[in-house]
Amino acid sequence: MFLSASVVRRGDFLFFLVSIACWAMLSSATHARLGETAQACVDRYGQPVNVNRGDVCSMVFRIPGPQSGNKLVTCFFDAPEPTSVCQAVTYNNFGHDLEVMEQMLELNSQGSKWLKPKITPNVSLGINNYDWDREDGATAQNHGGGMYIWGKEISQRNRDDKRQGFRDRVNGL
């Protein structure tokens, strides 16, 4: 049953609209995105709690705010430069809420569509594991306590490495 306009007060309706807008801004502001620069990630989260400057640079950020608990985001870059572009993102301790996972995927769509996930039960943890492919070749998965999203370049390298490993095993027979 719909409420008539005379039942809903104007102030209540405006409060509702403002609440929805704030929720949308805050929820999207807490997630790093593929394609963002290292500086954009620092601007979003503050200084990283850990930085690795090996072959692949990674920056670990703790999600700010009193409700965040022990949520961590790790962004991976090709080089430790402020203008380096994020190639992969991991979200740790975000749980297994499919709606939250889908929001993370949407924030990392980069204009491409994520396909329906492959779902496999994880009997030992009593949860489902999810694996997604994006139309342009990017991939994502949620196994155990983390969500992992790889850009299309890294996803292609992973596929190539797996094929090469398979070829090496076959050639070794």
N, C-alpha and C. Protein backbone atom coordinates (compact mmCIF):
# COMPACT_ATOMS: atom_id res chain seq x y z
N MET A 1 0.84 -1.17 0.00
CA MET A 1 0.00 0.00 0.00
C MET A 1 0.89 1.24 0.00
N PHE A 2 0.61 2.19 -0.83
CA PHE A 2 1.37 3.42 -0.91
C PHE A 2 0.78 4.46 0.01
N LEU A 3 1.64 5.26 0.60
CA LEU A 3 1.17 6.35 1.45
C LEU A 3 0.82 7.53 0.57
N SER A 4 -0.23 8.20 0.92
CA SER A 4 -0.59 9.39 0.16
C SER A 4 0.35 10.53 0.54
N ALA A 5 0.44 11.52 -0.31
CA ALA A 5 1.34 12.65 -0.08
C ALA A 5 0.98 13.40 1.19
N SER A 6 -0.29 13.35 1.58
CA SER A 6 -0.69 14.09 2.78
C SER A 6 -0.19 13.40 4.06
N VAL A 7 0.13 12.10 3.98
CA VAL A 7 0.59 11.37 5.16
C VAL A 7 2.08 11.62 5.41
N VAL A 8 2.88 11.73 4.36
CA VAL A 8 4.31 11.92 4.50
C VAL A 8 4.61 13.41 4.59
N ARG A 9 5.22 13.81 5.70
CA ARG A 9 5.55 15.23 5.87
C ARG A 9 6.74 15.58 4.99
N ARG A 10 6.77 16.80 4.52
CA ARG A 10 7.84 17.27 3.63
C ARG A 10 9.21 17.13 4.30
N GLY A 11 9.34 17.46 5.57
CA GLY A 11 10.61 17.36 6.28
C GLY A 11 11.11 15.93 6.35
N ASP A 12 10.19 14.98 6.57
CA ASP A 12 10.58 13.57 6.62
C ASP A 12 11.10 13.11 5.26
N PHE A 13 10.44 13.55 4.20
CA PHE A 13 10.84 13.16 2.86
C PHE A 13 12.21 13.74 2.52
N LEU A 14 12.46 14.99 2.85
CA LEU A 14 13.76 15.61 2.60
C LEU A 14 14.86 14.92 3.40
N PHE A 15 14.57 14.58 4.67
CA PHE A 15 15.54 13.86 5.50
C PHE A 15 15.89 12.52 4.85
N PHE A 16 14.87 11.84 4.33
CA PHE A 16 15.07 10.56 3.66
C PHE A 16 15.99 10.72 2.46
N LEU A 17 15.72 11.72 1.60
CA LEU A 17 16.55 11.94 0.42
C LEU A 17 17.99 12.27 0.78
N VAL A 18 18.19 13.13 1.77
CA VAL A 18 19.53 13.50 2.20
C VAL A 18 20.25 12.28 2.78
N SER A 19 19.55 11.47 3.54
CA SER A 19 20.15 10.26 4.13
C SER A 19 20.62 9.30 3.03
N ILE A 20 19.81 9.10 2.01
CA ILE A 20 20.18 8.21 0.91
C ILE A 20 21.41 8.76 0.18
N ALA A 21 21.43 10.05 -0.07
CA ALA A 21 22.57 10.66 -0.77
C ALA A 21 23.85 10.52 0.05
N CYS A 22 23.78 10.76 1.35
CA CYS A 22 24.97 10.62 2.22
C CYS A 22 25.43 9.18 2.27
N TRP A 23 24.52 8.24 2.38
CA TRP A 23 24.89 6.83 2.41
C TRP A 23 25.62 6.44 1.14
N ALA A 24 25.10 6.89 -0.01
CA ALA A 24 25.74 6.55 -1.29
C ALA A 24 27.14 7.14 -1.37
N MET A 25 27.31 8.38 -0.93
CA MET A 25 28.63 9.01 -0.97
C MET A 25 29.60 8.29 -0.05
N LEU A 26 29.18 7.99 1.17
CA LEU A 26 30.08 7.36 2.14
C LEU A 26 30.42 5.94 1.74
N SER A 27 29.44 5.19 1.23
CA SER A 27 29.73 3.79 0.90
C SER A 27 30.68 3.71 -0.28
N SER A 28 30.55 4.57 -1.26
CA SER A 28 31.47 4.51 -2.40
C SER A 28 32.82 5.12 -2.05
N ALA A 29 32.86 6.00 -1.08
CA ALA A 29 34.12 6.66 -0.73
C ALA A 29 35.08 5.73 0.00
N THR A 30 34.59 4.62 0.53
CA THR A 30 35.46 3.74 1.30
C THR A 30 36.11 2.65 0.47
N HIS A 31 35.90 2.64 -0.83
CA HIS A 31 36.45 1.57 -1.65
C HIS A 31 37.38 2.12 -2.72
N ALA A 32 38.60 1.60 -2.74
CA ALA A 32 39.54 1.95 -3.80
C ALA A 32 39.01 1.37 -5.10
N ARG A 33 39.52 1.89 -6.20
CA ARG A 33 39.03 1.44 -7.49
C ARG A 33 40.19 1.14 -8.43
N LEU A 34 39.99 0.15 -9.29
CA LEU A 34 40.94 -0.09 -10.36
C LEU A 34 41.05 1.18 -11.19
N GLY A 35 42.25 1.48 -11.63
CA GLY A 35 42.45 2.66 -12.46
C GLY A 35 42.75 3.94 -11.70
N GLU A 36 42.58 3.95 -10.38
CA GLU A 36 42.91 5.13 -9.60
C GLU A 36 44.42 5.23 -9.42
N THR A 37 44.90 6.44 -9.25
CA THR A 37 46.33 6.63 -9.00
C THR A 37 46.65 6.34 -7.54
N ALA A 38 47.92 6.12 -7.27
CA ALA A 38 48.36 5.92 -5.89
C ALA A 38 48.00 7.14 -5.05
N GLN A 39 48.16 8.33 -5.62
CA GLN A 39 47.84 9.55 -4.87
C GLN A 39 46.36 9.62 -4.53
N ALA A 40 45.49 9.19 -5.45
CA ALA A 40 44.05 9.18 -5.18
C ALA A 40 43.72 8.25 -4.02
N CYS A 41 44.41 7.10 -3.94
CA CYS A 41 44.19 6.18 -2.82
C CYS A 41 44.63 6.81 -1.51
N VAL A 42 45.77 7.50 -1.51
CA VAL A 42 46.24 8.19 -0.30
C VAL A 42 45.26 9.29 0.09
N ASP A 43 44.75 10.01 -0.89
CA ASP A 43 43.77 11.06 -0.61
C ASP A 43 42.50 10.48 0.00
N ARG A 44 42.10 9.29 -0.45
CA ARG A 44 40.87 8.66 0.04
C ARG A 44 41.02 8.12 1.46
N TYR A 45 42.16 7.46 1.75
CA TYR A 45 42.32 6.74 3.02
C TYR A 45 43.27 7.39 4.01
N GLY A 46 44.13 8.27 3.55
CA GLY A 46 45.21 8.76 4.40
C GLY A 46 46.45 7.94 4.14
N GLN A 47 47.45 8.10 4.94
CA GLN A 47 48.72 7.39 4.73
C GLN A 47 48.54 5.89 4.90
N PRO A 48 49.18 5.10 4.04
CA PRO A 48 49.07 3.64 4.17
C PRO A 48 49.75 3.14 5.44
N VAL A 49 49.24 2.01 5.96
CA VAL A 49 49.86 1.40 7.14
C VAL A 49 51.04 0.53 6.76
N ASN A 50 51.14 0.18 5.47
CA ASN A 50 52.26 -0.62 4.98
C ASN A 50 52.45 -0.34 3.49
N VAL A 51 53.71 -0.24 3.08
CA VAL A 51 54.04 -0.05 1.67
C VAL A 51 55.13 -1.04 1.31
N ASN A 52 54.91 -1.79 0.22
CA ASN A 52 55.91 -2.72 -0.30
C ASN A 52 56.36 -2.18 -1.65
N ARG A 53 57.66 -1.97 -1.81
CA ARG A 53 58.17 -1.42 -3.06
C ARG A 53 58.98 -2.46 -3.83
N GLY A 54 58.49 -3.68 -3.92
CA GLY A 54 59.17 -4.74 -4.66
C GLY A 54 58.88 -4.64 -6.14
N ASP A 55 58.86 -5.80 -6.82
CA ASP A 55 58.55 -5.82 -8.25
C ASP A 55 57.18 -5.18 -8.52
N VAL A 56 56.25 -5.44 -7.63
CA VAL A 56 54.94 -4.82 -7.69
C VAL A 56 54.78 -4.03 -6.41
N CYS A 57 54.42 -2.78 -6.53
CA CYS A 57 54.24 -1.94 -5.34
C CYS A 57 52.85 -2.19 -4.77
N SER A 58 52.78 -2.34 -3.46
CA SER A 58 51.47 -2.47 -2.81
C SER A 58 51.39 -1.48 -1.65
N MET A 59 50.20 -0.98 -1.45
CA MET A 59 49.94 -0.06 -0.34
C MET A 59 48.73 -0.59 0.42
N VAL A 60 48.89 -0.79 1.73
CA VAL A 60 47.81 -1.30 2.56
C VAL A 60 47.23 -0.14 3.35
N PHE A 61 45.91 0.00 3.30
CA PHE A 61 45.21 1.06 4.01
C PHE A 61 44.21 0.46 4.98
N ARG A 62 44.09 1.06 6.16
CA ARG A 62 43.04 0.69 7.11
C ARG A 62 41.86 1.61 6.84
N ILE A 63 40.66 1.03 6.75
CA ILE A 63 39.47 1.83 6.47
C ILE A 63 39.20 2.72 7.68
N PRO A 64 39.07 4.04 7.47
CA PRO A 64 38.83 4.94 8.59
C PRO A 64 37.39 4.86 9.09
N GLY A 65 37.20 5.28 10.32
CA GLY A 65 35.85 5.38 10.87
C GLY A 65 35.60 4.39 11.99
N PRO A 66 34.70 4.74 12.90
CA PRO A 66 34.45 3.90 14.08
C PRO A 66 33.77 2.57 13.75
N GLN A 67 33.04 2.47 12.64
CA GLN A 67 32.32 1.24 12.30
C GLN A 67 33.13 0.31 11.41
N SER A 68 34.35 0.68 11.09
CA SER A 68 35.09 -0.08 10.09
C SER A 68 35.74 -1.35 10.64
N GLY A 69 35.93 -1.45 11.95
CA GLY A 69 36.56 -2.64 12.50
C GLY A 69 37.98 -2.79 11.99
N ASN A 70 38.34 -3.99 11.55
CA ASN A 70 39.69 -4.26 11.06
C ASN A 70 39.69 -4.44 9.54
N LYS A 71 38.94 -3.58 8.84
CA LYS A 71 38.85 -3.69 7.39
C LYS A 71 40.08 -3.07 6.75
N LEU A 72 40.67 -3.82 5.83
CA LEU A 72 41.87 -3.36 5.13
C LEU A 72 41.64 -3.40 3.63
N VAL A 73 42.25 -2.45 2.93
CA VAL A 73 42.24 -2.42 1.48
C VAL A 73 43.69 -2.39 1.03
N THR A 74 44.05 -3.25 0.09
CA THR A 74 45.39 -3.24 -0.48
C THR A 74 45.27 -2.92 -1.96
N CYS A 75 46.04 -1.92 -2.40
CA CYS A 75 46.07 -1.52 -3.81
C CYS A 75 47.42 -1.91 -4.38
N PHE A 76 47.44 -2.45 -5.58
CA PHE A 76 48.67 -2.90 -6.22
C PHE A 76 48.95 -2.05 -7.46
N PHE A 77 50.21 -1.63 -7.59
CA PHE A 77 50.62 -0.74 -8.67
C PHE A 77 51.85 -1.32 -9.35
N ASP A 78 52.09 -0.92 -10.62
CA ASP A 78 53.28 -1.36 -11.34
C ASP A 78 54.55 -0.71 -10.81
N ALA A 79 54.44 0.49 -10.26
CA ALA A 79 55.62 1.22 -9.77
C ALA A 79 55.22 2.07 -8.57
N PRO A 80 56.18 2.37 -7.68
CA PRO A 80 55.87 3.15 -6.48
C PRO A 80 55.86 4.66 -6.75
N GLU A 81 55.10 5.09 -7.72
CA GLU A 81 55.00 6.50 -8.08
C GLU A 81 53.60 7.01 -7.74
N PRO A 82 53.46 8.28 -7.36
CA PRO A 82 52.13 8.83 -7.06
C PRO A 82 51.17 8.76 -8.24
N THR A 83 51.70 8.74 -9.47
CA THR A 83 50.83 8.69 -10.65
C THR A 83 50.60 7.27 -11.17
N SER A 84 51.18 6.26 -10.52
CA SER A 84 50.95 4.87 -10.93
C SER A 84 49.47 4.54 -10.80
N VAL A 85 48.99 3.69 -11.69
CA VAL A 85 47.57 3.35 -11.72
C VAL A 85 47.34 2.01 -11.03
N CYS A 86 46.29 1.95 -10.23
CA CYS A 86 45.94 0.73 -9.49
C CYS A 86 45.55 -0.39 -10.46
N GLN A 87 46.27 -1.52 -10.36
CA GLN A 87 46.05 -2.67 -11.24
C GLN A 87 45.23 -3.78 -10.58
N ALA A 88 45.20 -3.81 -9.25
CA ALA A 88 44.45 -4.84 -8.52
C ALA A 88 44.12 -4.29 -7.14
N VAL A 89 43.02 -4.79 -6.57
CA VAL A 89 42.56 -4.34 -5.26
C VAL A 89 42.13 -5.56 -4.46
N THR A 90 42.50 -5.61 -3.19
CA THR A 90 41.94 -6.63 -2.30
C THR A 90 41.23 -5.94 -1.14
N TYR A 91 40.12 -6.51 -0.74
CA TYR A 91 39.35 -6.02 0.40
C TYR A 91 39.34 -7.14 1.44
N ASN A 92 39.90 -6.89 2.62
CA ASN A 92 39.95 -7.91 3.66
C ASN A 92 39.02 -7.57 4.80
N ASN A 93 38.35 -8.58 5.33
CA ASN A 93 37.44 -8.47 6.47
C ASN A 93 36.19 -7.67 6.14
N PHE A 94 35.71 -7.76 4.89
CA PHE A 94 34.47 -7.11 4.51
C PHE A 94 33.28 -8.06 4.58
N GLY A 95 33.52 -9.33 4.86
CA GLY A 95 32.43 -10.29 5.00
C GLY A 95 32.00 -10.91 3.68
N HIS A 96 30.84 -11.54 3.71
CA HIS A 96 30.36 -12.31 2.56
C HIS A 96 28.99 -11.85 2.08
N ASP A 97 28.65 -10.60 2.36
CA ASP A 97 27.37 -10.05 1.94
C ASP A 97 27.42 -9.82 0.42
N LEU A 98 26.58 -10.54 -0.32
CA LEU A 98 26.60 -10.46 -1.78
C LEU A 98 26.32 -9.04 -2.25
N GLU A 99 25.47 -8.31 -1.55
CA GLU A 99 25.18 -6.92 -1.94
C GLU A 99 26.43 -6.04 -1.85
N VAL A 100 27.23 -6.23 -0.79
CA VAL A 100 28.48 -5.46 -0.65
C VAL A 100 29.46 -5.86 -1.74
N MET A 101 29.56 -7.17 -2.03
CA MET A 101 30.47 -7.63 -3.08
C MET A 101 30.07 -7.04 -4.43
N GLU A 102 28.78 -7.02 -4.71
CA GLU A 102 28.32 -6.46 -5.98
C GLU A 102 28.61 -4.96 -6.06
N GLN A 103 28.53 -4.26 -4.92
CA GLN A 103 28.88 -2.83 -4.90
C GLN A 103 30.36 -2.65 -5.23
N MET A 104 31.21 -3.49 -4.65
CA MET A 104 32.65 -3.41 -4.94
C MET A 104 32.92 -3.67 -6.42
N LEU A 105 32.21 -4.65 -6.99
CA LEU A 105 32.38 -4.93 -8.41
C LEU A 105 31.95 -3.74 -9.26
N GLU A 106 30.82 -3.15 -8.91
CA GLU A 106 30.34 -1.99 -9.67
C GLU A 106 31.34 -0.84 -9.62
N LEU A 107 31.92 -0.61 -8.46
CA LEU A 107 32.92 0.46 -8.33
C LEU A 107 34.17 0.16 -9.14
N ASN A 108 34.38 -1.10 -9.46
CA ASN A 108 35.55 -1.52 -10.23
C ASN A 108 35.18 -2.01 -11.63
N SER A 109 34.09 -1.53 -12.17
CA SER A 109 33.64 -1.99 -13.48
C SER A 109 34.40 -1.31 -14.62
N GLN A 110 34.90 -0.12 -14.43
CA GLN A 110 35.63 0.63 -15.46
C GLN A 110 34.89 0.64 -16.79
N GLY A 111 33.57 0.72 -16.73
CA GLY A 111 32.77 0.80 -17.95
C GLY A 111 32.42 -0.54 -18.57
N SER A 112 32.90 -1.65 -18.00
CA SER A 112 32.58 -2.99 -18.51
C SER A 112 31.63 -3.70 -17.55
N LYS A 113 30.92 -4.68 -18.06
CA LYS A 113 29.92 -5.39 -17.27
C LYS A 113 30.52 -6.65 -16.64
N TRP A 114 30.23 -6.86 -15.35
CA TRP A 114 30.62 -8.10 -14.69
C TRP A 114 29.58 -9.15 -15.03
N LEU A 115 30.03 -10.35 -15.36
CA LEU A 115 29.13 -11.45 -15.71
C LEU A 115 28.67 -12.15 -14.43
N LYS A 116 27.67 -12.99 -14.58
CA LYS A 116 27.13 -13.73 -13.44
C LYS A 116 28.23 -14.58 -12.81
N PRO A 117 28.32 -14.61 -11.47
CA PRO A 117 29.43 -15.35 -10.84
C PRO A 117 29.26 -16.86 -10.90
N LYS A 118 30.41 -17.53 -10.88
CA LYS A 118 30.44 -18.97 -10.66
C LYS A 118 30.46 -19.14 -9.15
N ILE A 119 29.55 -19.92 -8.61
CA ILE A 119 29.43 -20.08 -7.16
C ILE A 119 29.77 -21.51 -6.79
N THR A 120 30.72 -21.66 -5.86
CA THR A 120 31.08 -22.99 -5.36
C THR A 120 31.02 -22.97 -3.84
N PRO A 121 30.41 -23.99 -3.24
CA PRO A 121 30.33 -24.03 -1.78
C PRO A 121 31.69 -24.26 -1.15
N ASN A 122 31.95 -23.56 -0.08
CA ASN A 122 33.14 -23.78 0.74
C ASN A 122 32.63 -24.45 2.02
N VAL A 123 32.61 -25.77 2.00
CA VAL A 123 31.99 -26.54 3.08
C VAL A 123 32.71 -26.31 4.41
N SER A 124 34.02 -26.21 4.38
CA SER A 124 34.76 -26.06 5.64
C SER A 124 34.43 -24.74 6.34
N LEU A 125 34.13 -23.68 5.59
CA LEU A 125 33.79 -22.39 6.20
C LEU A 125 32.29 -22.16 6.27
N GLY A 126 31.51 -23.00 5.59
CA GLY A 126 30.06 -22.84 5.59
C GLY A 126 29.60 -21.62 4.80
N ILE A 127 30.35 -21.24 3.77
CA ILE A 127 30.00 -20.09 2.93
C ILE A 127 30.15 -20.49 1.47
N ASN A 128 29.76 -19.60 0.58
CA ASN A 128 29.99 -19.81 -0.84
C ASN A 128 31.20 -19.01 -1.30
N ASN A 129 31.95 -19.57 -2.23
CA ASN A 129 33.01 -18.84 -2.92
C ASN A 129 32.43 -18.33 -4.23
N TYR A 130 32.81 -17.11 -4.61
CA TYR A 130 32.31 -16.49 -5.84
C TYR A 130 33.48 -16.15 -6.75
N ASP A 131 33.32 -16.44 -8.04
CA ASP A 131 34.31 -16.07 -9.06
C ASP A 131 33.58 -15.34 -10.18
N TRP A 132 34.07 -14.13 -10.51
CA TRP A 132 33.46 -13.32 -11.56
C TRP A 132 34.44 -13.10 -12.70
N ASP A 133 33.90 -12.94 -13.89
CA ASP A 133 34.65 -12.46 -15.06
C ASP A 133 33.96 -11.20 -15.53
N ARG A 134 34.77 -10.28 -16.03
CA ARG A 134 34.22 -9.06 -16.60
C ARG A 134 34.31 -9.18 -18.12
N GLU A 135 33.40 -8.54 -18.84
CA GLU A 135 33.36 -8.66 -20.31
C GLU A 135 34.71 -8.37 -20.97
N ASP A 136 35.50 -7.48 -20.38
CA ASP A 136 36.78 -7.10 -21.00
C ASP A 136 37.95 -7.96 -20.54
N GLY A 137 37.69 -8.98 -19.71
CA GLY A 137 38.75 -9.90 -19.30
C GLY A 137 39.22 -9.75 -17.87
N ALA A 138 38.80 -8.72 -17.15
CA ALA A 138 39.16 -8.59 -15.73
C ALA A 138 38.48 -9.72 -14.94
N THR A 139 39.00 -10.02 -13.76
CA THR A 139 38.45 -11.09 -12.94
C THR A 139 38.34 -10.65 -11.48
N ALA A 140 37.51 -11.36 -10.73
CA ALA A 140 37.36 -11.09 -9.30
C ALA A 140 36.94 -12.38 -8.61
N GLN A 141 37.23 -12.44 -7.32
CA GLN A 141 36.77 -13.59 -6.54
C GLN A 141 36.63 -13.21 -5.07
N ASN A 142 35.75 -13.91 -4.39
CA ASN A 142 35.62 -13.80 -2.94
C ASN A 142 35.72 -15.21 -2.41
N HIS A 143 36.87 -15.51 -1.81
CA HIS A 143 37.12 -16.83 -1.21
C HIS A 143 37.54 -16.58 0.22
N GLY A 144 36.87 -17.20 1.17
CA GLY A 144 37.24 -17.02 2.57
C GLY A 144 36.92 -15.62 3.04
N GLY A 145 37.90 -14.91 3.56
CA GLY A 145 37.65 -13.60 4.16
C GLY A 145 38.00 -12.41 3.31
N GLY A 146 38.31 -12.61 2.03
CA GLY A 146 38.72 -11.47 1.22
C GLY A 146 38.11 -11.45 -0.16
N MET A 147 38.01 -10.24 -0.70
CA MET A 147 37.56 -10.04 -2.07
C MET A 147 38.75 -9.54 -2.86
N TYR A 148 38.99 -10.16 -4.00
CA TYR A 148 40.15 -9.85 -4.82
C TYR A 148 39.66 -9.45 -6.21
N ILE A 149 40.11 -8.30 -6.70
CA ILE A 149 39.70 -7.81 -8.01
C ILE A 149 40.96 -7.46 -8.80
N TRP A 150 41.09 -8.07 -9.98
CA TRP A 150 42.25 -7.85 -10.84
C TRP A 150 41.82 -7.15 -12.11
N GLY A 151 42.56 -6.15 -12.53
CA GLY A 151 42.32 -5.49 -13.80
C GLY A 151 42.57 -6.44 -14.95
N LYS A 152 42.18 -6.03 -16.15
CA LYS A 152 42.26 -6.94 -17.30
C LYS A 152 43.69 -7.31 -17.66
N GLU A 153 44.66 -6.40 -17.47
CA GLU A 153 46.05 -6.73 -17.81
C GLU A 153 46.60 -7.82 -16.89
N ILE A 154 46.38 -7.67 -15.60
CA ILE A 154 46.86 -8.68 -14.64
C ILE A 154 46.10 -10.00 -14.84
N SER A 155 44.81 -9.92 -15.09
CA SER A 155 44.03 -11.15 -15.33
C SER A 155 44.57 -11.90 -16.54
N GLN A 156 44.92 -11.16 -17.60
CA GLN A 156 45.48 -11.81 -18.80
C GLN A 156 46.83 -12.44 -18.48
N ARG A 157 47.67 -11.74 -17.72
CA ARG A 157 48.97 -12.31 -17.33
C ARG A 157 48.77 -13.58 -16.52
N ASN A 158 47.78 -13.59 -15.61
CA ASN A 158 47.50 -14.79 -14.81
C ASN A 158 47.08 -15.95 -15.71
N ARG A 159 46.21 -15.67 -16.69
CA ARG A 159 45.78 -16.73 -17.61
C ARG A 159 46.97 -17.24 -18.42
N ASP A 160 47.81 -16.31 -18.91
CA ASP A 160 49.00 -16.71 -19.69
C ASP A 160 49.95 -17.56 -18.84
N ASP A 161 50.17 -17.16 -17.58
CA ASP A 161 51.05 -17.92 -16.69
C ASP A 161 50.51 -19.33 -16.45
N LYS A 162 49.20 -19.45 -16.27
CA LYS A 162 48.60 -20.77 -16.06
C LYS A 162 48.77 -21.63 -17.30
N ARG A 163 48.54 -21.04 -18.49
CA ARG A 163 48.72 -21.80 -19.74
C ARG A 163 50.16 -22.24 -19.91
N GLN A 164 51.10 -21.33 -19.61
CA GLN A 164 52.52 -21.67 -19.75
C GLN A 164 52.90 -22.77 -18.75
N GLY A 165 52.38 -22.69 -17.52
CA GLY A 165 52.66 -23.75 -16.54
C GLY A 165 52.11 -25.08 -17.00
N PHE A 166 50.93 -25.07 -17.61
CA PHE A 166 50.34 -26.30 -18.14
C PHE A 166 51.21 -26.83 -19.28
N ARG A 167 51.64 -25.94 -20.19
CA ARG A 167 52.50 -26.36 -21.31
C ARG A 167 53.80 -26.96 -20.79
N ASP A 168 54.40 -26.33 -19.77
CA ASP A 168 55.65 -26.84 -19.20
C ASP A 168 55.45 -28.23 -18.62
N ARG A 169 54.32 -28.46 -17.94
CA ARG A 169 54.06 -29.78 -17.36
C ARG A 169 53.86 -30.82 -18.45
N VAL A 170 53.11 -30.46 -19.52
CA VAL A 170 52.87 -31.39 -20.61
C VAL A 170 54.17 -31.70 -21.35
N ASN A 171 54.99 -30.69 -21.61
CA ASN A 171 56.25 -30.90 -22.31
C ASN A 171 57.22 -31.74 -21.47
N GLY A 172 57.06 -31.74 -20.17
CA GLY A 172 57.93 -32.50 -19.29
C GLY A 172 57.58 -33.97 -19.21
N LEU A 173 56.46 -34.37 -19.84
CA LEU A 173 56.04 -35.79 -19.79
C LEU A 173 56.84 -36.64 -20.73
